[in-house]
Amino acid sequence: MSEVLDIGRHADDDGWHGIWYADHYMPNTGGSDVADGDVFECWAVLAGLAVATHRVRLGSLVSPTSVHHPALLANRAATIDHLSEGRLVLGLGAGWQINEHGAYGIELEPPRMRVDRFDEAIQIVRSLLSDGRTSFSGEHYTITDAPCDPSPVQQPLPLLVGTASPRMLRITARHADEWNTWGAPDLATASAAKFTTACDAVGVDPASKWRSVQALVFMTEDQQLIDGVMAGEMADRSIAGPVDHIVEQLGAYADAGFDEFVVPDFTLGDTAEERFDALGRFRSEIAAQLD
């Protein structure tokens, strides 16, 4: 936990734009196998970061509506928006990680039903955060004259959705303020084109939506490591190479219309010290060239 708070304070002081924290209960294995590993609860961490920092945006990347009731998400978000004095972004998703749903007995519904649930949940969250009272009657949720007091500091409090599927992209275009996706520049550019199409389909100006993207980052001049990453199963979600190559790749994201690049820290080193040093290098050697 101390590493998270230290990185948060450093990001706050060093000019980073925001801090995102994943909302999971265990490491992903790609299936039903349970994995050990320290995974702190997202919303407790965000509360801690809210009082440990003063400037950076804070957000969940992303909180699954398969796990969280929309009323809980809205009230948590409003509370932490007050703790942070108006710096929270509520990141939402439909849910996908098989092992945590199975281990904790949380139903992972079939994709269509899961997206139906998400569509209802994001509408309820938006109303709770923006309106005095909320009533909603759907297939999955019934909300009756429900308050969310106090209202968040931000009006509106930004909602982000992380997705790449066509229907979820349309829901994002209708109800969210920000969109997030995974991918190296080629994959992310293709996804951005699909998001633009989704915005057009529902009559929303694509330029009105903030766009963020993340990829696994490997800052290295070791050609053997680079070749291994680019031959691996995560190649289309990775950028690997020396500093100049990483800068070029980030420029490609900007050319594709992305506003923000999120740097996952779990490929930056095996120890807290290595990860901290790598984030410092990224800020001083790479991000500084793009300011």
Foldseek 3Di string as FASTA:
>chain_A
DVLLLVVLACCQVQPHAADEAEADDADFPPAQDGDDDDHDHRLVSLLVSLQSHAHHAYEYQAAACLPDQLVVLLLSQQVSLVSNVRRYEHEYELDDRHRRCVVVVRDDDPPVVSVVSVLQSLVQSQCQQADQFDADDDPPDGGDRHHRPPHHNDVRRFYEYEDQDLVVLLSCLVRGQEYEYFFFLVVVLVSLVSSCVSNVVVVHHSLRHAYEYEAAEAADQPVVVVVVCCVDPRNGRYQHHHQVSVLVRVVSCVVSPHDYYDYDQPNQDDDSVSSSVSVVCCVPRRVVVVD
